[in-house]
Amino acid sequence: MSVKAYLEITLFIKEEKRPAAVKVFTDYRGPFLEEIDGARTKDLLVRDEDVQVLHGFDSTEKAQAYLETELFTKDVVAGLQPLWFKDPEIKIYGVA
């Protein structure tokens, strides 16, 4: 099934803490793709000003539902929260 929606999470993490953020991304990429309903892709995008995690899903509903899973709330957020200096921005896009 193809990607029909994207969940974009923009994280504001200082450069010196980014290796720890990459570890969280790497640790949970496999479980995300294997266990989350509708998950299709997960990519880490790095810019000077922020880090973005772009998740591909088969629907906007499943992208929204992921934000309520234990993998996201208890594992991913718990691993990343000590690293950010400003709350993340979360956006969901449907593919036209």
PDB file of N, CA and C in Angstrom:
ATOM      1  N   MET A   1       0.844  -1.188   0.000  1.00  0.00           N
ATOM      2  CA  MET A   1       0.000   0.000   0.000  1.00  0.00           C
ATOM      3  C   MET A   1       0.888   1.250   0.000  1.00  0.00           C
ATOM      4  N   SER A   2       0.471   2.270  -0.691  1.00  0.00           N
ATOM      5  CA  SER A   2       1.286   3.484  -0.808  1.00  0.00           C
ATOM      6  C   SER A   2       1.022   4.461   0.336  1.00  0.00           C
ATOM      7  N   VAL A   3       1.880   5.461   0.432  1.00  0.00           N
ATOM      8  CA  VAL A   3       1.746   6.501   1.451  1.00  0.00           C
ATOM      9  C   VAL A   3       0.631   7.452   1.037  1.00  0.00           C
ATOM     10  N   LYS A   4      -0.334   7.623   1.934  1.00  0.00           N
ATOM     11  CA  LYS A   4      -1.469   8.524   1.693  1.00  0.00           C
ATOM     12  C   LYS A   4      -1.501   9.685   2.680  1.00  0.00           C
ATOM     13  N   ALA A   5      -0.595   9.641   3.684  1.00  0.00           N
ATOM     14  CA  ALA A   5      -0.550  10.702   4.697  1.00  0.00           C
ATOM     15  C   ALA A   5       0.849  10.756   5.304  1.00  0.00           C
ATOM     16  N   TYR A   6       1.218  11.947   5.742  1.00  0.00           N
ATOM     17  CA  TYR A   6       2.493  12.140   6.434  1.00  0.00           C
ATOM     18  C   TYR A   6       2.251  12.791   7.785  1.00  0.00           C
ATOM     19  N   LEU A   7       2.946  12.281   8.768  1.00  0.00           N
ATOM     20  CA  LEU A   7       3.017  12.886  10.089  1.00  0.00           C
ATOM     21  C   LEU A   7       4.396  13.494  10.184  1.00  0.00           C
ATOM     22  N   GLU A   8       4.448  14.817  10.352  1.00  0.00           N
ATOM     23  CA  GLU A   8       5.721  15.528  10.449  1.00  0.00           C
ATOM     24  C   GLU A   8       5.875  16.042  11.874  1.00  0.00           C
ATOM     25  N   ILE A   9       6.945  15.636  12.522  1.00  0.00           N
ATOM     26  CA  ILE A   9       7.242  16.111  13.873  1.00  0.00           C
ATOM     27  C   ILE A   9       8.559  16.872  13.795  1.00  0.00           C
ATOM     28  N   THR A  10       8.487  18.161  14.099  1.00  0.00           N
ATOM     29  CA  THR A  10       9.675  19.012  14.088  1.00  0.00           C
ATOM     30  C   THR A  10      10.169  19.142  15.517  1.00  0.00           C
ATOM     31  N   LEU A  11      11.422  18.766  15.714  1.00  0.00           N
ATOM     32  CA  LEU A  11      12.046  18.791  17.035  1.00  0.00           C
ATOM     33  C   LEU A  11      13.127  19.866  17.076  1.00  0.00           C
ATOM     34  N   PHE A  12      13.134  20.599  18.154  1.00  0.00           N
ATOM     35  CA  PHE A  12      14.114  21.665  18.343  1.00  0.00           C
ATOM     36  C   PHE A  12      15.161  21.158  19.335  1.00  0.00           C
ATOM     37  N   ILE A  13      16.262  20.659  18.772  1.00  0.00           N
ATOM     38  CA  ILE A  13      17.307  19.996  19.551  1.00  0.00           C
ATOM     39  C   ILE A  13      18.648  20.622  19.193  1.00  0.00           C
ATOM     40  N   LYS A  14      19.364  21.035  20.206  1.00  0.00           N
ATOM     41  CA  LYS A  14      20.691  21.631  19.976  1.00  0.00           C
ATOM     42  C   LYS A  14      21.638  20.588  19.359  1.00  0.00           C
ATOM     43  N   GLU A  15      22.577  21.090  18.588  1.00  0.00           N
ATOM     44  CA  GLU A  15      23.483  20.224  17.829  1.00  0.00           C
ATOM     45  C   GLU A  15      24.182  19.182  18.700  1.00  0.00           C
ATOM     46  N   GLU A  16      24.607  19.564  19.891  1.00  0.00           N
ATOM     47  CA  GLU A  16      25.352  18.631  20.734  1.00  0.00           C
ATOM     48  C   GLU A  16      24.494  17.481  21.264  1.00  0.00           C
ATOM     49  N   LYS A  17      23.171  17.631  21.220  1.00  0.00           N
ATOM     50  CA  LYS A  17      22.269  16.576  21.683  1.00  0.00           C
ATOM     51  C   LYS A  17      21.697  15.741  20.537  1.00  0.00           C
ATOM     52  N   ARG A  18      22.025  16.084  19.319  1.00  0.00           N
ATOM     53  CA  ARG A  18      21.459  15.382  18.164  1.00  0.00           C
ATOM     54  C   ARG A  18      21.877  13.918  18.059  1.00  0.00           C
ATOM     55  N   PRO A  19      23.116  13.551  18.427  1.00  0.00           N
ATOM     56  CA  PRO A  19      23.433  12.112  18.383  1.00  0.00           C
ATOM     57  C   PRO A  19      22.495  11.280  19.261  1.00  0.00           C
ATOM     58  N   ALA A  20      22.092  11.802  20.394  1.00  0.00           N
ATOM     59  CA  ALA A  20      21.142  11.091  21.261  1.00  0.00           C
ATOM     60  C   ALA A  20      19.775  10.995  20.583  1.00  0.00           C
ATOM     61  N   ALA A  21      19.378  12.045  19.870  1.00  0.00           N
ATOM     62  CA  ALA A  21      18.101  12.020  19.142  1.00  0.00           C
ATOM     63  C   ALA A  21      18.145  11.000  18.005  1.00  0.00           C
ATOM     64  N   VAL A  22      19.266  10.913  17.319  1.00  0.00           N
ATOM     65  CA  VAL A  22      19.425   9.928  16.246  1.00  0.00           C
ATOM     66  C   VAL A  22      19.316   8.511  16.821  1.00  0.00           C
ATOM     67  N   LYS A  23      19.852   8.298  18.003  1.00  0.00           N
ATOM     68  CA  LYS A  23      19.758   6.984  18.641  1.00  0.00           C
ATOM     69  C   LYS A  23      18.298   6.627  18.919  1.00  0.00           C
ATOM     70  N   VAL A  24      17.519   7.564  19.431  1.00  0.00           N
ATOM     71  CA  VAL A  24      16.093   7.313  19.684  1.00  0.00           C
ATOM     72  C   VAL A  24      15.397   6.973  18.369  1.00  0.00           C
ATOM     73  N   PHE A  25      15.678   7.747  17.322  1.00  0.00           N
ATOM     74  CA  PHE A  25      15.090   7.482  16.007  1.00  0.00           C
ATOM     75  C   PHE A  25      15.439   6.066  15.549  1.00  0.00           C
ATOM     76  N   THR A  26      16.702   5.709  15.627  1.00  0.00           N
ATOM     77  CA  THR A  26      17.174   4.407  15.170  1.00  0.00           C
ATOM     78  C   THR A  26      16.579   3.268  16.003  1.00  0.00           C
ATOM     79  N   ASP A  27      16.536   3.448  17.316  1.00  0.00           N
ATOM     80  CA  ASP A  27      16.003   2.413  18.209  1.00  0.00           C
ATOM     81  C   ASP A  27      14.542   2.093  17.920  1.00  0.00           C
ATOM     82  N   TYR A  28      13.742   3.099  17.562  1.00  0.00           N
ATOM     83  CA  TYR A  28      12.298   2.897  17.418  1.00  0.00           C
ATOM     84  C   TYR A  28      11.812   2.862  15.975  1.00  0.00           C
ATOM     85  N   ARG A  29      12.709   3.000  15.010  1.00  0.00           N
ATOM     86  CA  ARG A  29      12.293   2.945  13.603  1.00  0.00           C
ATOM     87  C   ARG A  29      11.722   1.571  13.256  1.00  0.00           C
ATOM     88  N   GLY A  30      12.432   0.517  13.612  1.00  0.00           N
ATOM     89  CA  GLY A  30      11.972  -0.844  13.330  1.00  0.00           C
ATOM     90  C   GLY A  30      10.636  -1.157  13.975  1.00  0.00           C
ATOM     91  N   PRO A  31      10.501  -0.959  15.292  1.00  0.00           N
ATOM     92  CA  PRO A  31       9.209  -1.213  15.926  1.00  0.00           C
ATOM     93  C   PRO A  31       8.067  -0.380  15.316  1.00  0.00           C
ATOM     94  N   PHE A  32       8.357   0.860  14.936  1.00  0.00           N
ATOM     95  CA  PHE A  32       7.333   1.686  14.291  1.00  0.00           C
ATOM     96  C   PHE A  32       6.854   1.022  13.003  1.00  0.00           C
ATOM     97  N   LEU A  33       7.786   0.642  12.140  1.00  0.00           N
ATOM     98  CA  LEU A  33       7.425   0.065  10.844  1.00  0.00           C
ATOM     99  C   LEU A  33       6.786  -1.318  10.987  1.00  0.00           C
ATOM    100  N   GLU A  34       7.170  -2.071  11.998  1.00  0.00           N
ATOM    101  CA  GLU A  34       6.664  -3.432  12.178  1.00  0.00           C
ATOM    102  C   GLU A  34       5.354  -3.499  12.957  1.00  0.00           C
ATOM    103  N   GLU A  35       5.147  -2.595  13.910  1.00  0.00           N
ATOM    104  CA  GLU A  35       4.039  -2.731  14.850  1.00  0.00           C
ATOM    105  C   GLU A  35       2.906  -1.728  14.688  1.00  0.00           C
ATOM    106  N   ILE A  36       3.162  -0.587  14.093  1.00  0.00           N
ATOM    107  CA  ILE A  36       2.139   0.461  14.039  1.00  0.00           C
ATOM    108  C   ILE A  36       1.253   0.279  12.813  1.00  0.00           C
ATOM    109  N   ASP A  37      -0.031   0.197  13.061  1.00  0.00           N
ATOM    110  CA  ASP A  37      -1.011   0.013  11.997  1.00  0.00           C
ATOM    111  C   ASP A  37      -0.935   1.153  10.984  1.00  0.00           C
ATOM    112  N   GLY A  38      -0.765   0.802   9.737  1.00  0.00           N
ATOM    113  CA  GLY A  38      -0.742   1.792   8.665  1.00  0.00           C
ATOM    114  C   GLY A  38       0.601   2.433   8.403  1.00  0.00           C
ATOM    115  N   ALA A  39       1.624   2.121   9.207  1.00  0.00           N
ATOM    116  CA  ALA A  39       2.947   2.724   9.022  1.00  0.00           C
ATOM    117  C   ALA A  39       3.585   2.227   7.733  1.00  0.00           C
ATOM    118  N   ARG A  40       4.173   3.146   6.978  1.00  0.00           N
ATOM    119  CA  ARG A  40       4.809   2.798   5.708  1.00  0.00           C
ATOM    120  C   ARG A  40       6.281   3.211   5.649  1.00  0.00           C
ATOM    121  N   THR A  41       6.604   4.411   6.132  1.00  0.00           N
ATOM    122  CA  THR A  41       7.972   4.930   6.070  1.00  0.00           C
ATOM    123  C   THR A  41       8.261   5.748   7.316  1.00  0.00           C
ATOM    124  N   LYS A  42       9.549   5.942   7.575  1.00  0.00           N
ATOM    125  CA  LYS A  42       9.974   6.836   8.664  1.00  0.00           C
ATOM    126  C   LYS A  42      11.361   7.338   8.309  1.00  0.00           C
ATOM    127  N   ASP A  43      11.501   8.659   8.160  1.00  0.00           N
ATOM    128  CA  ASP A  43      12.763   9.271   7.777  1.00  0.00           C
ATOM    129  C   ASP A  43      13.127  10.396   8.735  1.00  0.00           C
ATOM    130  N   LEU A  44      14.420  10.558   8.939  1.00  0.00           N
ATOM    131  CA  LEU A  44      14.942  11.629   9.775  1.00  0.00           C
ATOM    132  C   LEU A  44      15.553  12.687   8.869  1.00  0.00           C
ATOM    133  N   LEU A  45      15.078  13.916   9.001  1.00  0.00           N
ATOM    134  CA  LEU A  45      15.565  15.043   8.199  1.00  0.00           C
ATOM    135  C   LEU A  45      16.253  16.023   9.137  1.00  0.00           C
ATOM    136  N   VAL A  46      17.473  16.400   8.803  1.00  0.00           N
ATOM    137  CA  VAL A  46      18.255  17.268   9.685  1.00  0.00           C
ATOM    138  C   VAL A  46      18.572  18.577   8.975  1.00  0.00           C
ATOM    139  N   ARG A  47      18.291  19.675   9.675  1.00  0.00           N
ATOM    140  CA  ARG A  47      18.648  21.014   9.197  1.00  0.00           C
ATOM    141  C   ARG A  47      19.408  21.712  10.315  1.00  0.00           C
ATOM    142  N   ASP A  48      20.029  22.846  10.006  1.00  0.00           N
ATOM    143  CA  ASP A  48      20.748  23.587  11.044  1.00  0.00           C
ATOM    144  C   ASP A  48      19.816  23.996  12.180  1.00  0.00           C
ATOM    145  N   GLU A  49      18.582  24.383  11.853  1.00  0.00           N
ATOM    146  CA  GLU A  49      17.675  24.940  12.855  1.00  0.00           C
ATOM    147  C   GLU A  49      16.812  23.915  13.580  1.00  0.00           C
ATOM    148  N   ASP A  50      16.662  22.698  13.033  1.00  0.00           N
ATOM    149  CA  ASP A  50      15.814  21.699  13.681  1.00  0.00           C
ATOM    150  C   ASP A  50      16.048  20.319  13.087  1.00  0.00           C
ATOM    151  N   VAL A  51      15.343  19.364  13.655  1.00  0.00           N
ATOM    152  CA  VAL A  51      15.344  17.985  13.177  1.00  0.00           C
ATOM    153  C   VAL A  51      13.889  17.613  12.944  1.00  0.00           C
ATOM    154  N   GLN A  52      13.602  16.974  11.821  1.00  0.00           N
ATOM    155  CA  GLN A  52      12.232  16.553  11.541  1.00  0.00           C
ATOM    156  C   GLN A  52      12.190  15.049  11.363  1.00  0.00           C
ATOM    157  N   VAL A  53      11.138  14.463  11.895  1.00  0.00           N
ATOM    158  CA  VAL A  53      10.879  13.052  11.653  1.00  0.00           C
ATOM    159  C   VAL A  53       9.630  13.010  10.786  1.00  0.00           C
ATOM    160  N   LEU A  54       9.762  12.403   9.622  1.00  0.00           N
ATOM    161  CA  LEU A  54       8.677  12.321   8.656  1.00  0.00           C
ATOM    162  C   LEU A  54       8.211  10.869   8.588  1.00  0.00           C
ATOM    163  N   HIS A  55       6.966  10.649   9.039  1.00  0.00           N
ATOM    164  CA  HIS A  55       6.382   9.311   9.080  1.00  0.00           C
ATOM    165  C   HIS A  55       5.370   9.196   7.946  1.00  0.00           C
ATOM    166  N   GLY A  56       5.444   8.137   7.159  1.00  0.00           N
ATOM    167  CA  GLY A  56       4.463   7.889   6.111  1.00  0.00           C
ATOM    168  C   GLY A  56       3.439   6.863   6.570  1.00  0.00           C
ATOM    169  N   PHE A  57       2.166   7.132   6.292  1.00  0.00           N
ATOM    170  CA  PHE A  57       1.059   6.247   6.687  1.00  0.00           C
ATOM    171  C   PHE A  57       0.142   5.994   5.507  1.00  0.00           C
ATOM    172  N   ASP A  58      -0.718   5.000   5.661  1.00  0.00           N
ATOM    173  CA  ASP A  58      -1.692   4.729   4.610  1.00  0.00           C
ATOM    174  C   ASP A  58      -2.975   5.543   4.761  1.00  0.00           C
ATOM    175  N   SER A  59      -3.106   6.330   5.854  1.00  0.00           N
ATOM    176  CA  SER A  59      -4.268   7.217   6.031  1.00  0.00           C
ATOM    177  C   SER A  59      -3.965   8.264   7.093  1.00  0.00           C
ATOM    178  N   THR A  60      -4.662   9.381   7.027  1.00  0.00           N
ATOM    179  CA  THR A  60      -4.500  10.425   8.047  1.00  0.00           C
ATOM    180  C   THR A  60      -5.017   9.944   9.398  1.00  0.00           C
ATOM    181  N   GLU A  61      -6.026   9.089   9.393  1.00  0.00           N
ATOM    182  CA  GLU A  61      -6.576   8.570  10.649  1.00  0.00           C
ATOM    183  C   GLU A  61      -5.538   7.734  11.400  1.00  0.00           C
ATOM    184  N   LYS A  62      -4.791   6.931  10.663  1.00  0.00           N
ATOM    185  CA  LYS A  62      -3.767   6.099  11.312  1.00  0.00           C
ATOM    186  C   LYS A  62      -2.576   6.936  11.760  1.00  0.00           C
ATOM    187  N   ALA A  63      -2.285   8.004  11.036  1.00  0.00           N
ATOM    188  CA  ALA A  63      -1.235   8.926  11.471  1.00  0.00           C
ATOM    189  C   ALA A  63      -1.632   9.562  12.803  1.00  0.00           C
ATOM    190  N   GLN A  64      -2.869   9.992  12.902  1.00  0.00           N
ATOM    191  CA  GLN A  64      -3.375  10.592  14.150  1.00  0.00           C
ATOM    192  C   GLN A  64      -3.382   9.563  15.277  1.00  0.00           C
ATOM    193  N   ALA A  65      -3.798   8.354  14.978  1.00  0.00           N
ATOM    194  CA  ALA A  65      -3.879   7.308  15.996  1.00  0.00           C
ATOM    195  C   ALA A  65      -2.500   6.962  16.565  1.00  0.00           C
ATOM    196  N   TYR A  66      -1.470   7.044  15.757  1.00  0.00           N
ATOM    197  CA  TYR A  66      -0.114   6.747  16.229  1.00  0.00           C
ATOM    198  C   TYR A  66       0.274   7.635  17.415  1.00  0.00           C
ATOM    199  N   LEU A  67      -0.188   8.866  17.402  1.00  0.00           N
ATOM    200  CA  LEU A  67       0.155   9.802  18.478  1.00  0.00           C
ATOM    201  C   LEU A  67      -0.386   9.365  19.838  1.00  0.00           C
ATOM    202  N   GLU A  68      -1.312   8.411  19.843  1.00  0.00           N
ATOM    203  CA  GLU A  68      -1.907   7.902  21.088  1.00  0.00           C
ATOM    204  C   GLU A  68      -1.320   6.551  21.512  1.00  0.00           C
ATOM    205  N   THR A  69      -0.427   5.981  20.717  1.00  0.00           N
ATOM    206  CA  THR A  69       0.116   4.659  21.037  1.00  0.00           C
ATOM    207  C   THR A  69       1.150   4.731  22.157  1.00  0.00           C
ATOM    208  N   GLU A  70       1.341   3.597  22.823  1.00  0.00           N
ATOM    209  CA  GLU A  70       2.370   3.523  23.861  1.00  0.00           C
ATOM    210  C   GLU A  70       3.764   3.704  23.273  1.00  0.00           C
ATOM    211  N   LEU A  71       3.981   3.189  22.067  1.00  0.00           N
ATOM    212  CA  LEU A  71       5.294   3.356  21.436  1.00  0.00           C
ATOM    213  C   LEU A  71       5.640   4.840  21.335  1.00  0.00           C
ATOM    214  N   PHE A  72       4.675   5.654  20.946  1.00  0.00           N
ATOM    215  CA  PHE A  72       4.928   7.089  20.825  1.00  0.00           C
ATOM    216  C   PHE A  72       4.973   7.767  22.189  1.00  0.00           C
ATOM    217  N   THR A  73       3.932   7.597  22.999  1.00  0.00           N
ATOM    218  CA  THR A  73       3.823   8.356  24.244  1.00  0.00           C
ATOM    219  C   THR A  73       4.808   7.929  25.317  1.00  0.00           C
ATOM    220  N   LYS A  74       5.054   6.632  25.443  1.00  0.00           N
ATOM    221  CA  LYS A  74       5.904   6.148  26.531  1.00  0.00           C
ATOM    222  C   LYS A  74       7.354   5.907  26.126  1.00  0.00           C
ATOM    223  N   ASP A  75       7.590   5.608  24.863  1.00  0.00           N
ATOM    224  CA  ASP A  75       8.954   5.293  24.433  1.00  0.00           C
ATOM    225  C   ASP A  75       9.612   6.459  23.699  1.00  0.00           C
ATOM    226  N   VAL A  76       9.026   6.860  22.589  1.00  0.00           N
ATOM    227  CA  VAL A  76       9.638   7.899  21.760  1.00  0.00           C
ATOM    228  C   VAL A  76       9.674   9.243  22.490  1.00  0.00           C
ATOM    229  N   VAL A  77       8.543   9.687  22.993  1.00  0.00           N
ATOM    230  CA  VAL A  77       8.507  10.983  23.686  1.00  0.00           C
ATOM    231  C   VAL A  77       9.405  10.959  24.922  1.00  0.00           C
ATOM    232  N   ALA A  78       9.363   9.871  25.664  1.00  0.00           N
ATOM    233  CA  ALA A  78      10.207   9.777  26.862  1.00  0.00           C
ATOM    234  C   ALA A  78      11.692   9.862  26.514  1.00  0.00           C
ATOM    235  N   GLY A  79      12.073   9.295  25.381  1.00  0.00           N
ATOM    236  CA  GLY A  79      13.468   9.351  24.967  1.00  0.00           C
ATOM    237  C   GLY A  79      13.897  10.697  24.429  1.00  0.00           C
ATOM    238  N   LEU A  80      12.956  11.411  23.802  1.00  0.00           N
ATOM    239  CA  LEU A  80      13.306  12.687  23.167  1.00  0.00           C
ATOM    240  C   LEU A  80      13.080  13.913  24.050  1.00  0.00           C
ATOM    241  N   GLN A  81      12.123  13.863  24.938  1.00  0.00           N
ATOM    242  CA  GLN A  81      11.757  15.039  25.727  1.00  0.00           C
ATOM    243  C   GLN A  81      12.935  15.684  26.458  1.00  0.00           C
ATOM    244  N   PRO A  82      13.852  14.918  27.049  1.00  0.00           N
ATOM    245  CA  PRO A  82      14.989  15.571  27.719  1.00  0.00           C
ATOM    246  C   PRO A  82      15.931  16.295  26.748  1.00  0.00           C
ATOM    247  N   LEU A  83      15.789  16.026  25.459  1.00  0.00           N
ATOM    248  CA  LEU A  83      16.712  16.587  24.474  1.00  0.00           C
ATOM    249  C   LEU A  83      16.237  17.901  23.864  1.00  0.00           C
ATOM    250  N   TRP A  84      14.933  18.155  23.828  1.00  0.00           N
ATOM    251  CA  TRP A  84      14.450  19.363  23.154  1.00  0.00           C
ATOM    252  C   TRP A  84      14.419  20.559  24.088  1.00  0.00           C
ATOM    253  N   PHE A  85      14.598  21.748  23.495  1.00  0.00           N
ATOM    254  CA  PHE A  85      14.579  22.987  24.276  1.00  0.00           C
ATOM    255  C   PHE A  85      13.303  23.780  24.039  1.00  0.00           C
ATOM    256  N   LYS A  86      12.444  23.287  23.180  1.00  0.00           N
ATOM    257  CA  LYS A  86      11.169  23.924  22.847  1.00  0.00           C
ATOM    258  C   LYS A  86      10.236  22.805  22.413  1.00  0.00           C
ATOM    259  N   ASP A  87       8.947  22.928  22.754  1.00  0.00           N
ATOM    260  CA  ASP A  87       7.995  21.877  22.387  1.00  0.00           C
ATOM    261  C   ASP A  87       8.001  21.625  20.884  1.00  0.00           C
ATOM    262  N   PRO A  88       7.867  20.357  20.498  1.00  0.00           N
ATOM    263  CA  PRO A  88       7.852  20.017  19.070  1.00  0.00           C
ATOM    264  C   PRO A  88       6.597  20.545  18.370  1.00  0.00           C
ATOM    265  N   GLU A  89       6.697  20.659  17.068  1.00  0.00           N
ATOM    266  CA  GLU A  89       5.539  20.995  16.233  1.00  0.00           C
ATOM    267  C   GLU A  89       5.111  19.705  15.533  1.00  0.00           C
ATOM    268  N   ILE A  90       3.822  19.419  15.582  1.00  0.00           N
ATOM    269  CA  ILE A  90       3.296  18.196  14.991  1.00  0.00           C
ATOM    270  C   ILE A  90       2.251  18.558  13.951  1.00  0.00           C
ATOM    271  N   LYS A  91       2.426  18.036  12.729  1.00  0.00           N
ATOM    272  CA  LYS A  91       1.498  18.297  11.633  1.00  0.00           C
ATOM    273  C   LYS A  91       1.208  17.010  10.896  1.00  0.00           C
ATOM    274  N   ILE A  92      -0.033  16.878  10.432  1.00  0.00           N
ATOM    275  CA  ILE A  92      -0.428  15.733   9.618  1.00  0.00           C
ATOM    276  C   ILE A  92      -0.906  16.263   8.274  1.00  0.00           C
ATOM    277  N   TYR A  93      -0.398  15.647   7.216  1.00  0.00           N
ATOM    278  CA  TYR A  93      -0.750  16.037   5.847  1.00  0.00           C
ATOM    279  C   TYR A  93      -1.363  14.850   5.115  1.00  0.00           C
ATOM    280  N   GLY A  94      -2.410  15.107   4.358  1.00  0.00           N
ATOM    281  CA  GLY A  94      -2.949  14.102   3.453  1.00  0.00           C
ATOM    282  C   GLY A  94      -2.292  14.270   2.103  1.00  0.00           C
ATOM    283  N   VAL A  95      -2.068  13.168   1.405  1.00  0.00           N
ATOM    284  CA  VAL A  95      -1.480  13.217   0.064  1.00  0.00           C
ATOM    285  C   VAL A  95      -2.598  13.415  -0.951  1.00  0.00           C
ATOM    286  N   ALA A  96      -2.455  14.422  -1.790  1.00  0.00           N
ATOM    287  CA  ALA A  96      -3.494  14.730  -2.785  1.00  0.00           C
ATOM    288  C   ALA A  96      -3.346  13.861  -4.012  1.00  0.00           C
TER     289      ALA A  96
END
